[in-house]
C-alpha atoms as a PDB file:
ATOM      1  CA  UNK A   1      54.797  24.569 -24.555  1.00  0.00           C
ATOM      2  CA  UNK A   2      54.653  26.659 -21.252  1.00  0.00           C
ATOM      3  CA  UNK A   3      52.307  26.617 -18.699  1.00  0.00           C
ATOM      4  CA  UNK A   4      51.037  29.959 -17.005  1.00  0.00           C
ATOM      5  CA  UNK A   5      49.963  30.600 -13.173  1.00  0.00           C
ATOM      6  CA  UNK A   6      47.911  32.973 -11.786  1.00  0.00           C
ATOM      7  CA  UNK A   7      47.264  33.384  -8.631  1.00  0.00           C
ATOM      8  CA  UNK A   8      43.642  34.699  -7.461  1.00  0.00           C
ATOM      9  CA  UNK A   9      43.849  38.494  -7.085  1.00  0.00           C
ATOM     10  CA  UNK A  10      41.258  41.480  -6.971  1.00  0.00           C
ATOM     11  CA  UNK A  11      42.296  41.725 -10.596  1.00  0.00           C
ATOM     12  CA  UNK A  12      43.315  41.030 -13.822  1.00  0.00           C
ATOM     13  CA  UNK A  13      46.852  41.774 -14.240  1.00  0.00           C
ATOM     14  CA  UNK A  14      46.940  43.281 -17.441  1.00  0.00           C
ATOM     15  CA  UNK A  15      50.356  44.552 -17.877  1.00  0.00           C
ATOM     16  CA  UNK A  16      52.236  40.656 -16.758  1.00  0.00           C
ATOM     17  CA  UNK A  17      49.383  38.816 -18.723  1.00  0.00           C
ATOM     18  CA  UNK A  18      50.402  40.703 -21.807  1.00  0.00           C
ATOM     19  CA  UNK A  19      54.016  40.542 -21.855  1.00  0.00           C
ATOM     20  CA  UNK A  20      53.549  36.514 -21.023  1.00  0.00           C
ATOM     21  CA  UNK A  21      51.810  36.238 -23.791  1.00  0.00           C
ATOM     22  CA  UNK A  22      54.573  38.766 -25.524  1.00  0.00           C
ATOM     23  CA  UNK A  23      57.453  36.211 -24.121  1.00  0.00           C
ATOM     24  CA  UNK A  24      55.516  33.740 -25.619  1.00  0.00           C
ATOM     25  CA  UNK A  25      55.400  34.192 -28.647  1.00  0.00           C
ATOM     26  CA  UNK A  26      59.062  35.778 -28.808  1.00  0.00           C
ATOM     27  CA  UNK A  27      60.935  32.593 -27.381  1.00  0.00           C
ATOM     28  CA  UNK A  28      58.518  29.681 -27.953  1.00  0.00           C
ATOM     29  CA  UNK A  29      59.187  26.087 -26.306  1.00  0.00           C
ATOM     30  CA  UNK A  30      62.234  28.139 -24.231  1.00  0.00           C
ATOM     31  CA  UNK A  31      59.451  29.668 -21.949  1.00  0.00           C
ATOM     32  CA  UNK A  32      59.015  26.374 -20.079  1.00  0.00           C
ATOM     33  CA  UNK A  33      56.607  28.432 -17.549  1.00  0.00           C
ATOM     34  CA  UNK A  34      55.444  31.810 -15.863  1.00  0.00           C
ATOM     35  CA  UNK A  35      54.001  32.719 -12.451  1.00  0.00           C
ATOM     36  CA  UNK A  36      51.972  36.423 -12.181  1.00  0.00           C
ATOM     37  CA  UNK A  37      51.087  37.490  -8.885  1.00  0.00           C
ATOM     38  CA  UNK A  38      48.362  40.294 -10.452  1.00  0.00           C
ATOM     39  CA  UNK A  39      49.595  43.771  -9.463  1.00  0.00           C
ATOM     40  CA  UNK A  40      52.720  42.477  -7.467  1.00  0.00           C
ATOM     41  CA  UNK A  41      55.091  40.126  -9.473  1.00  0.00           C
ATOM     42  CA  UNK A  42      56.158  37.861 -12.097  1.00  0.00           C
ATOM     43  CA  UNK A  43      58.158  35.147 -12.304  1.00  0.00           C
ATOM     44  CA  UNK A  44      59.364  33.299 -15.559  1.00  0.00           C
ATOM     45  CA  UNK A  45      60.983  30.225 -15.912  1.00  0.00           C
ATOM     46  CA  UNK A  46      63.005  29.796 -19.557  1.00  0.00           C
ATOM     47  CA  UNK A  47      65.505  26.787 -21.036  1.00  0.00           C
ATOM     48  CA  UNK A  48      69.046  27.650 -19.961  1.00  0.00           C
ATOM     49  CA  UNK A  49      69.807  27.879 -23.552  1.00  0.00           C
ATOM     50  CA  UNK A  50      67.369  30.721 -23.536  1.00  0.00           C
ATOM     51  CA  UNK A  51      69.176  32.359 -20.453  1.00  0.00           C
ATOM     52  CA  UNK A  52      71.566  34.945 -21.702  1.00  0.00           C
ATOM     53  CA  UNK A  53      69.488  35.981 -24.416  1.00  0.00           C
ATOM     54  CA  UNK A  54      66.497  36.437 -22.313  1.00  0.00           C
ATOM     55  CA  UNK A  55      68.105  38.762 -20.626  1.00  0.00           C
ATOM     56  CA  UNK A  56      69.368  40.784 -23.318  1.00  0.00           C
ATOM     57  CA  UNK A  57      65.765  40.832 -25.010  1.00  0.00           C
ATOM     58  CA  UNK A  58      63.589  41.884 -21.442  1.00  0.00           C
ATOM     59  CA  UNK A  59      66.954  44.305 -21.430  1.00  0.00           C
ATOM     60  CA  UNK A  60      66.506  45.743 -24.777  1.00  0.00           C
ATOM     61  CA  UNK A  61      63.165  45.117 -25.670  1.00  0.00           C
ATOM     62  CA  UNK A  62      61.132  45.871 -22.445  1.00  0.00           C
ATOM     63  CA  UNK A  63      63.349  48.622 -20.537  1.00  0.00           C
ATOM     64  CA  UNK A  64      64.320  46.595 -17.893  1.00  0.00           C
ATOM     65  CA  UNK A  65      67.853  48.007 -17.435  1.00  0.00           C
ATOM     66  CA  UNK A  66      68.538  47.343 -13.468  1.00  0.00           C
ATOM     67  CA  UNK A  67      70.112  44.227 -13.346  1.00  0.00           C
ATOM     68  CA  UNK A  68      69.718  43.473  -9.065  1.00  0.00           C
ATOM     69  CA  UNK A  69      71.199  40.107  -8.447  1.00  0.00           C
ATOM     70  CA  UNK A  70      71.818  36.445  -9.772  1.00  0.00           C
ATOM     71  CA  UNK A  71      71.913  33.169  -7.306  1.00  0.00           C
ATOM     72  CA  UNK A  72      71.057  29.563  -7.773  1.00  0.00           C
ATOM     73  CA  UNK A  73      68.988  26.798  -5.450  1.00  0.00           C
ATOM     74  CA  UNK A  74      69.797  23.530  -4.065  1.00  0.00           C
ATOM     75  CA  UNK A  75      66.305  21.941  -3.991  1.00  0.00           C
ATOM     76  CA  UNK A  76      67.536  18.730  -2.730  1.00  0.00           C
ATOM     77  CA  UNK A  77      66.171  17.697   0.284  1.00  0.00           C
ATOM     78  CA  UNK A  78      69.342  17.938   2.988  1.00  0.00           C
ATOM     79  CA  UNK A  79      70.094  14.882   4.015  1.00  0.00           C
ATOM     80  CA  UNK A  80      71.331  15.336   7.142  1.00  0.00           C
ATOM     81  CA  UNK A  81      68.020  16.134   8.442  1.00  0.00           C
ATOM     82  CA  UNK A  82      66.936  18.569  10.329  1.00  0.00           C
ATOM     83  CA  UNK A  83      69.278  17.628  13.454  1.00  0.00           C
ATOM     84  CA  UNK A  84      70.019  20.897  14.540  1.00  0.00           C
ATOM     85  CA  UNK A  85      69.006  23.333  17.671  1.00  0.00           C
ATOM     86  CA  UNK A  86      67.915  26.464  15.850  1.00  0.00           C
ATOM     87  CA  UNK A  87      65.002  27.894  15.824  1.00  0.00           C
ATOM     88  CA  UNK A  88      63.306  27.153  13.344  1.00  0.00           C
ATOM     89  CA  UNK A  89      64.132  22.873  13.914  1.00  0.00           C
ATOM     90  CA  UNK A  90      62.379  24.061  17.347  1.00  0.00           C
ATOM     91  CA  UNK A  91      59.470  24.625  15.596  1.00  0.00           C
ATOM     92  CA  UNK A  92      59.149  21.753  12.846  1.00  0.00           C
ATOM     93  CA  UNK A  93      60.365  19.541  16.619  1.00  0.00           C
ATOM     94  CA  UNK A  94      58.085  16.293  16.173  1.00  0.00           C
ATOM     95  CA  UNK A  95      56.931  16.332  12.674  1.00  0.00           C
ATOM     96  CA  UNK A  96      58.318  13.503  10.628  1.00  0.00           C
ATOM     97  CA  UNK A  97      59.268  14.367   6.934  1.00  0.00           C
ATOM     98  CA  UNK A  98      57.621  12.203   4.623  1.00  0.00           C
ATOM     99  CA  UNK A  99      59.989  10.722   1.890  1.00  0.00           C
ATOM    100  CA  UNK A 100      57.079  10.080  -0.666  1.00  0.00           C
ATOM    101  CA  UNK A 101      56.419  14.450  -0.549  1.00  0.00           C
ATOM    102  CA  UNK A 102      57.425  15.803  -3.653  1.00  0.00           C
ATOM    103  CA  UNK A 103      59.610  18.702  -3.634  1.00  0.00           C
ATOM    104  CA  UNK A 104      58.241  22.217  -4.210  1.00  0.00           C
ATOM    105  CA  UNK A 105      60.536  24.066  -6.819  1.00  0.00           C
ATOM    106  CA  UNK A 106      58.814  27.927  -6.292  1.00  0.00           C
ATOM    107  CA  UNK A 107      56.285  30.084  -8.753  1.00  0.00           C
ATOM    108  CA  UNK A 108      57.097  28.929 -12.161  1.00  0.00           C
ATOM    109  CA  UNK A 109      57.988  25.543 -11.254  1.00  0.00           C
ATOM    110  CA  UNK A 110      61.289  23.256 -11.667  1.00  0.00           C
ATOM    111  CA  UNK A 111      62.600  20.175 -13.443  1.00  0.00           C
ATOM    112  CA  UNK A 112      66.108  19.878 -12.307  1.00  0.00           C
ATOM    113  CA  UNK A 113      68.284  19.940  -8.786  1.00  0.00           C
ATOM    114  CA  UNK A 114      69.712  23.053  -9.226  1.00  0.00           C
ATOM    115  CA  UNK A 115      67.840  26.365 -10.415  1.00  0.00           C
ATOM    116  CA  UNK A 116      69.909  29.163 -11.024  1.00  0.00           C
ATOM    117  CA  UNK A 117      67.430  32.423 -10.847  1.00  0.00           C
ATOM    118  CA  UNK A 118      68.255  36.550 -11.750  1.00  0.00           C
ATOM    119  CA  UNK A 119      65.805  39.992 -11.200  1.00  0.00           C
ATOM    120  CA  UNK A 120      65.314  42.688 -13.013  1.00  0.00           C
ATOM    121  CA  UNK A 121      63.864  46.470 -12.799  1.00  0.00           C
ATOM    122  CA  UNK A 122      62.180  47.986 -15.152  1.00  0.00           C
ATOM    123  CA  UNK A 123      62.940  51.644 -13.123  1.00  0.00           C
ATOM    124  CA  UNK A 124      60.703  53.980 -15.581  1.00  0.00           C
ATOM    125  CA  UNK A 125      57.763  52.427 -15.061  1.00  0.00           C
ATOM    126  CA  UNK A 126      58.400  50.379 -11.529  1.00  0.00           C
ATOM    127  CA  UNK A 127      58.267  46.782 -12.159  1.00  0.00           C
ATOM    128  CA  UNK A 128      60.273  43.851 -11.923  1.00  0.00           C
ATOM    129  CA  UNK A 129      60.758  40.486 -13.055  1.00  0.00           C
ATOM    130  CA  UNK A 130      62.537  37.175 -11.978  1.00  0.00           C
ATOM    131  CA  UNK A 131      64.092  34.905 -14.491  1.00  0.00           C
ATOM    132  CA  UNK A 132      64.519  31.089 -13.869  1.00  0.00           C
ATOM    133  CA  UNK A 133      66.338  28.376 -15.308  1.00  0.00           C
ATOM    134  CA  UNK A 134      67.118  24.610 -14.274  1.00  0.00           C
ATOM    135  CA  UNK A 135      70.702  23.674 -14.374  1.00  0.00           C
ATOM    136  CA  UNK A 136      71.350  20.420 -16.166  1.00  0.00           C
ATOM    137  CA  UNK A 137      72.592  17.635 -13.605  1.00  0.00           C
ATOM    138  CA  UNK A 138      74.630  16.049 -16.190  1.00  0.00           C
ATOM    139  CA  UNK A 139      76.851  19.532 -17.136  1.00  0.00           C
ATOM    140  CA  UNK A 140      75.782  21.954 -13.868  1.00  0.00           C
ATOM    141  CA  UNK A 141      75.971  25.094 -16.915  1.00  0.00           C
ATOM    142  CA  UNK A 142      74.687  28.239 -18.039  1.00  0.00           C
ATOM    143  CA  UNK A 143      75.857  30.588 -19.957  1.00  0.00           C
ATOM    144  CA  UNK A 144      76.889  33.708 -18.543  1.00  0.00           C
ATOM    145  CA  UNK A 145      75.134  37.002 -18.789  1.00  0.00           C
ATOM    146  CA  UNK A 146      77.889  39.488 -18.003  1.00  0.00           C
ATOM    147  CA  UNK A 147      78.572  40.601 -22.045  1.00  0.00           C
ATOM    148  CA  UNK A 148      74.528  41.524 -21.379  1.00  0.00           C
ATOM    149  CA  UNK A 149      75.007  42.806 -17.758  1.00  0.00           C
ATOM    150  CA  UNK A 150      78.680  43.297 -16.586  1.00  0.00           C
ATOM    151  CA  UNK A 151      77.033  43.900 -12.930  1.00  0.00           C
ATOM    152  CA  UNK A 152      76.469  39.838 -12.788  1.00  0.00           C
ATOM    153  CA  UNK A 153      80.202  39.234 -13.250  1.00  0.00           C
ATOM    154  CA  UNK A 154      80.230  38.986  -8.893  1.00  0.00           C
ATOM    155  CA  UNK A 155      77.079  37.617  -8.775  1.00  0.00           C
ATOM    156  CA  UNK A 156      78.540  34.643 -11.029  1.00  0.00           C
ATOM    157  CA  UNK A 157      81.965  33.992  -9.340  1.00  0.00           C
ATOM    158  CA  UNK A 158      80.163  33.330  -6.024  1.00  0.00           C
ATOM    159  CA  UNK A 159      77.540  31.257  -7.309  1.00  0.00           C
ATOM    160  CA  UNK A 160      80.178  29.182  -8.830  1.00  0.00           C
ATOM    161  CA  UNK A 161      81.704  28.708  -5.805  1.00  0.00           C
ATOM    162  CA  UNK A 162      78.922  28.744  -3.260  1.00  0.00           C
ATOM    163  CA  UNK A 163      77.134  26.036  -5.440  1.00  0.00           C
ATOM    164  CA  UNK A 164      79.395  24.640  -8.306  1.00  0.00           C
ATOM    165  CA  UNK A 165      77.702  25.582 -11.220  1.00  0.00           C
ATOM    166  CA  UNK A 166      79.907  26.847 -14.298  1.00  0.00           C
ATOM    167  CA  UNK A 167      78.789  30.161 -15.814  1.00  0.00           C
ATOM    168  CA  UNK A 168      80.222  29.228 -19.922  1.00  0.00           C
ATOM    169  CA  UNK A 169      81.798  32.589 -21.277  1.00  0.00           C
ATOM    170  CA  UNK A 170      82.883  33.702 -17.763  1.00  0.00           C
ATOM    171  CA  UNK A 171      86.576  35.247 -18.185  1.00  0.00           C
ATOM    172  CA  UNK A 172      87.321  34.958 -14.533  1.00  0.00           C
ATOM    173  CA  UNK A 173      85.560  32.418 -12.151  1.00  0.00           C
ATOM    174  CA  UNK A 174      88.440  32.594  -9.180  1.00  0.00           C
ATOM    175  CA  UNK A 175      86.792  32.426  -5.906  1.00  0.00           C
ATOM    176  CA  UNK A 176      85.961  35.185  -3.718  1.00  0.00           C
ATOM    177  CA  UNK A 177      85.227  33.791  -0.230  1.00  0.00           C
ATOM    178  CA  UNK A 178      87.237  30.440   0.293  1.00  0.00           C
ATOM    179  CA  UNK A 179      90.776  29.497   0.207  1.00  0.00           C
ATOM    180  CA  UNK A 180      92.399  28.213  -2.959  1.00  0.00           C
ATOM    181  CA  UNK A 181      92.512  24.784  -1.930  1.00  0.00           C
ATOM    182  CA  UNK A 182      89.533  24.582  -0.301  1.00  0.00           C
ATOM    183  CA  UNK A 183      86.791  21.266  -1.162  1.00  0.00           C
ATOM    184  CA  UNK A 184      83.598  21.280  -1.662  1.00  0.00           C
ATOM    185  CA  UNK A 185      80.273  24.089  -2.230  1.00  0.00           C
ATOM    186  CA  UNK A 186      79.659  25.272   0.977  1.00  0.00           C
ATOM    187  CA  UNK A 187      75.299  25.882  -0.251  1.00  0.00           C
ATOM    188  CA  UNK A 188      75.250  22.554  -2.041  1.00  0.00           C
ATOM    189  CA  UNK A 189      72.538  20.777   0.344  1.00  0.00           C
ATOM    190  CA  UNK A 190      74.835  17.824   0.711  1.00  0.00           C
ATOM    191  CA  UNK A 191      77.734  19.988   2.315  1.00  0.00           C
ATOM    192  CA  UNK A 192      77.602  18.865   5.778  1.00  0.00           C
ATOM    193  CA  UNK A 193      77.748  22.809   8.485  1.00  0.00           C
ATOM    194  CA  UNK A 194      80.053  21.327  11.113  1.00  0.00           C
ATOM    195  CA  UNK A 195      80.524  23.614  12.889  1.00  0.00           C
ATOM    196  CA  UNK A 196      76.868  23.827  13.860  1.00  0.00           C
ATOM    197  CA  UNK A 197      77.328  19.594  14.989  1.00  0.00           C
ATOM    198  CA  UNK A 198      80.217  21.241  17.327  1.00  0.00           C
ATOM    199  CA  UNK A 199      78.706  23.863  18.614  1.00  0.00           C
ATOM    200  CA  UNK A 200      74.457  24.334  17.397  1.00  0.00           C
ATOM    201  CA  UNK A 201      73.185  27.302  15.962  1.00  0.00           C
ATOM    202  CA  UNK A 202      73.299  30.193  17.059  1.00  0.00           C
ATOM    203  CA  UNK A 203      76.602  29.178  18.234  1.00  0.00           C
END
């Protein structure tokens, strides 16, 4: 059963509240969570099995025909700590991270280290939605959505290259940026940014 979070605002967002209710009916237990920011935006989290079908349903039944972007996030705290002297590190200098602090996984929550996120817009009515899914830790696989939005091709290739997440059904996950023999996934939190250790940011 999904949980819906609604921020306190000046008024109830009837449009987005109604959409969440409709999605809850259509997706059932595949809608894991949602978050409404009244008058502004909406986030939903679905199961990885419902990922591609959710994009198709939003496109066909709700007019969300503009694919904006797709990416991923690694919620694991960096094992290297904050030992670089970037501006943000200077601001946080002296602050000791508590090992027991829970990881905050953004709007609509999250239960795994990696999440994939996508953004769609209804250009006619001028509103959008962010869709999230937890990536299973044992498979790191999510269905491709390029059969729904062909523009997701490049985005999925980038996520596969930078995070090591596989998009099942993608016909060509060749690298975009890195040499063929490159080892590791640069946007994972446990990938050491050695250049910053040699010459601190901004270097």
